[in-house]
Amino acid sequence: TGGPRTAPGGRDGRLGEQWVHFHAMRLRDSLFLWVGAAPALASLAVAMCSPRDSIPVAASLLGDPSDTASACLAQRLASKTKKQVFVSYNLQNTDSSFTLLIENRIKEEMMAFPEKF
C-alpha cells in the first residue's frame, strides 16, 4: 500500500524519496524502456552499437536535445544488451548518482526477468 501502481508488464519502486515506474518492452532485435514518475513521454532517445566505435551511437528523437539522460541511459543499455535501445527517461532528477540507481535497478530487472529484455 501507499505507492502508485503500474500497468501490467511494468515495475515500480521507491528510489530514495521518489516513486519510479519502469516499463520494458522487448521488440524484435531491440528494446523499449520507459522510466518515469507520472504518465508522460517527454523525451525519447535511441542508441545502438556500431562496428566502427566501442561506444554505441545515440540520438535524441523527442524532447529537449540538451537533456541527455535518455540518450546516456540508452547508450549504456545498448552496450550491455548489444541491441538497439529506445529509452524515454521522464524524471526531473537527472543527478548522476540517482541515474546510477535507476540503471542498477534496470540491471536487476534484466537479471530477474530476462524474457522482457
Protein backbone atom coordinates (compact mmCIF):
# COMPACT_ATOMS: atom_id res chain seq x y z
CA THR A 1 0.00 0.00 0.00
CA GLY A 2 0.96 3.63 -0.31
CA GLY A 3 2.70 3.55 -3.68
CA PRO A 4 1.44 4.15 -7.17
CA ARG A 5 0.69 1.13 -9.33
CA THR A 6 1.92 0.45 -12.82
CA ALA A 7 0.22 -1.20 -15.75
CA PRO A 8 0.76 -4.93 -16.39
CA GLY A 9 4.31 -5.55 -17.57
CA GLY A 10 5.67 -2.61 -15.62
CA ARG A 11 7.57 -2.39 -12.37
CA ASP A 12 7.70 0.30 -9.77
CA GLY A 13 9.60 1.05 -6.63
CA ARG A 14 10.94 3.74 -4.39
CA LEU A 15 14.42 5.00 -5.16
CA GLY A 16 15.44 7.41 -2.45
CA GLU A 17 12.42 9.59 -1.78
CA GLN A 18 10.83 9.15 -5.21
CA TRP A 19 8.50 6.55 -6.68
CA VAL A 20 9.81 5.44 -10.04
CA HIS A 21 7.93 3.38 -12.62
CA PHE A 22 9.66 1.20 -15.22
CA HIS A 23 8.13 -0.37 -18.29
CA ALA A 24 10.18 -2.50 -20.68
CA MET A 25 9.06 -3.95 -23.98
CA ARG A 26 11.22 -6.38 -25.89
CA LEU A 27 10.82 -5.75 -29.59
CA ARG A 28 12.32 -7.66 -32.48
CA ASP A 29 16.08 -7.08 -32.10
CA SER A 30 15.50 -4.02 -29.90
CA LEU A 31 14.26 -2.85 -26.53
CA PHE A 32 11.97 0.00 -25.47
CA LEU A 33 12.33 1.25 -21.90
CA TRP A 34 10.18 3.89 -20.25
CA VAL A 35 11.16 5.35 -16.86
CA GLY A 36 9.08 7.97 -15.10
CA ALA A 37 7.13 9.16 -12.10
CA ALA A 38 3.97 10.11 -13.99
CA PRO A 39 2.45 9.06 -17.34
CA ALA A 40 4.38 11.16 -19.87
CA LEU A 41 6.56 10.73 -22.92
CA ALA A 42 8.58 13.93 -22.71
CA SER A 43 11.82 12.54 -24.09
CA LEU A 44 12.90 9.66 -26.29
CA ALA A 45 16.36 8.60 -27.41
CA VAL A 46 17.78 5.66 -29.32
CA ALA A 47 21.21 4.05 -29.15
CA MET A 48 22.83 1.17 -30.99
CA CYS A 49 26.21 -0.47 -31.24
CA SER A 50 28.41 0.44 -34.17
CA PRO A 51 31.18 -1.68 -35.69
CA ARG A 52 33.24 1.50 -36.06
CA ASP A 53 33.21 2.58 -32.40
CA SER A 54 33.30 0.90 -28.99
CA ILE A 55 30.74 3.39 -27.64
CA PRO A 56 27.19 2.97 -29.00
CA VAL A 57 25.90 5.86 -31.10
CA ALA A 58 22.89 7.71 -29.70
CA ALA A 59 20.38 10.27 -30.90
CA SER A 60 17.62 12.24 -29.24
CA LEU A 61 14.32 11.67 -31.05
CA LEU A 62 11.89 13.62 -28.87
CA GLY A 63 12.23 16.34 -26.28
CA ASP A 64 14.95 18.77 -25.33
CA PRO A 65 18.20 17.63 -27.02
CA SER A 66 20.25 19.22 -24.22
CA ASP A 67 18.67 16.75 -21.75
CA THR A 68 20.97 13.79 -22.25
CA ALA A 69 19.54 11.43 -19.59
CA SER A 70 17.61 9.28 -22.10
CA ALA A 71 20.49 9.10 -24.58
CA CYS A 72 23.10 8.26 -21.93
CA LEU A 73 20.96 5.50 -20.44
CA ALA A 74 20.19 4.16 -23.93
CA GLN A 75 23.93 4.06 -24.73
CA ARG A 76 24.78 2.13 -21.58
CA LEU A 77 21.96 -0.36 -22.12
CA ALA A 78 22.82 -0.80 -25.80
CA SER A 79 26.38 -1.57 -24.79
CA LYS A 80 25.18 -4.14 -22.26
CA THR A 81 22.50 -5.82 -24.41
CA LYS A 82 24.09 -5.38 -27.87
CA LYS A 83 20.61 -4.35 -29.10
CA GLN A 84 19.09 -1.17 -30.42
CA VAL A 85 17.63 0.51 -27.32
CA PHE A 86 14.95 3.19 -27.13
CA VAL A 87 14.75 4.99 -23.78
CA SER A 88 12.24 7.50 -22.51
CA TYR A 89 13.57 8.92 -19.21
CA ASN A 90 10.88 11.14 -17.71
CA LEU A 91 12.16 12.11 -14.29
CA GLN A 92 13.12 15.56 -13.04
CA ASN A 93 16.09 14.15 -11.13
CA THR A 94 18.99 13.70 -13.56
CA ASP A 95 21.70 13.74 -10.88
CA SER A 96 24.37 11.18 -11.81
CA SER A 97 24.08 9.26 -8.54
CA PHE A 98 20.29 8.99 -8.96
CA THR A 99 20.57 7.88 -12.59
CA LEU A 100 23.07 5.24 -11.44
CA LEU A 101 20.41 3.95 -9.01
CA ILE A 102 17.97 3.82 -11.94
CA GLU A 103 20.48 1.95 -14.11
CA ASN A 104 21.26 -0.54 -11.34
CA ARG A 105 17.54 -1.15 -10.79
CA ILE A 106 17.10 -1.82 -14.52
CA LYS A 107 20.03 -4.27 -14.46
CA GLU A 108 18.37 -6.06 -11.53
CA GLU A 109 15.18 -6.31 -13.60
CA MET A 110 17.20 -7.64 -16.54
CA MET A 111 18.59 -10.40 -14.35
CA ALA A 112 15.23 -11.22 -12.74
CA PHE A 113 13.12 -11.05 -15.92
CA PRO A 114 15.40 -11.73 -18.92
CA GLU A 115 12.38 -12.53 -21.13
CA LYS A 116 11.42 -8.83 -21.06
CA PHE A 117 14.83 -7.76 -22.33
